[in-house]
Amino acid sequence: MMKKDTDSIGNPAMIKHPFLASSALMIALMIAAPPLCAAQDEDGPYAGRTAAASTGTEMRLSAVEDQMRALTGKVEQIDYALRRIDTALQKMQADNDMRLTKLESAPPPAIPAAAPPPPPTASSAPSPYRDEDEPTATGVPEPDAQPVSGTLGGVKVRGDKVTGAVAGAKTPPLPAKPADYGLTAQELYERAFGLLRQANYDDAEKSFSTFIKKYPQDKLIDNAKYWHAETYYVRAKFGDAAVAFAEAYQQNPKGTKAPDSLLKMAMSLGAIEKIEDACSALAALKSKYPNAAPTIRARADQERAKLKCK
C-alpha cells in the first residue's frame, strides 16, 4: 500500500484509501489545517513549545496513515507465517515417511551374546576416594580424565568422580532484555513513533536509531530518518537536527520526504546562524522541487525572507 506522510510543518497530505471520506471532505480538512506559521517562526521563550505543537499535529495526521499501513503489514506477516508452517509440516511429514520406510525395510540387527565381566580384584578395583593425581596400580594416572571448562572452573571427570570444581559457584545473571528485542521492522517503527507522540523524545531518538541500524533497506527507512531528525529539532538541538535532516535527504532525494527534509535542514541551519548554508538549501529546494506541496514552497519563501537570502 502506497502512502504519503504529512509535510514538515504539520499540514495533512492527501491519502488515497477506499475507507476514507469523499474528496469534498478532504478539501475541508485541508482548509481547516493549522496555519502555516505553526512551526518555529520567531525566537523567544515560546519557540520550543511552538515546535512541539507543530510536531504533535504532524504526528497525529501521520498516525492514520501508519495505522492503515500497519494492517497491511500484519496481514503480510500472518500470510508469511502460515506459508512457513505449511512448508515445515510438509517437510516433517516427508522425513517421517522416509524414516518409517527405512525401518520397515531394514532387517533386525543381530544381538551378540554378552560375555560376563571378570570379577574385580583388590589391586585393580578403582577407589572412589582417590585424588585426581593419584597414580593407578601401574604407576600412571588413568588416561580417561577429561578436562571440562565452564563457569565452575577447571573440572576433571574420571568415571563417577568429579574433581577441580569450585564450591558454591554461582552463575552470573543474564543481561536485561532490551525493550526493542524481537520486534519486527513495523513493530519497532510503531514503538518509536508512539514514543515521539508521547513527547518522549530521548527514547524516540534511540528507537529510531535502532530501526535505522537494523533495517536500512526497509520501506519505512525514509520516514524513520525524517522523524529521527525531528526528535533533535523539537528539542532545539539544531546542530544535530541539521546533520540528521541532511542524512534523511541524502537517503532518498527522490522520496516523498526529501522536500520536507531539505526545508527542515535549512531551518535548522538558520537557527544556528549558518545563513549562507541555509540559503543554499532553500535555493536547492526551489530548483529541484518546483512541484513540492504549496505549504512547503510557502514556508521556504518565508524562511528566505527571514534570512534575507539573495
Foldseek 3Di string as FASTA:
>chain_A
DDAFAQFQQQQADDGDDPPDDDVVVVVVSRVVTDDLPQAQQDDDPCNLVSNLVRVLNRLVNRVVVLVVVVVVVVVVVVVVVVVVVVVVVVVVVVVVVVVVVVVVPDDDDDDDDDDDDDDDDPQQDDDLPDDQQDPHSVRHGDPPWDWDDDQQHTWTDDPPHIDDGHPPGDDDDDDDDDPCPPDDLSRLLVVLSVCVSVVVLVVSLVSLVVSCVPCVPDPCVLVSLQVNLSSCVSVLVLVSSLVSLVVSLVSDVPDSRNLSSLQSNLVSCVSVVVLVVSLVSLVCSCVVCVPRDPSSVVVSVSSCVVSVPD
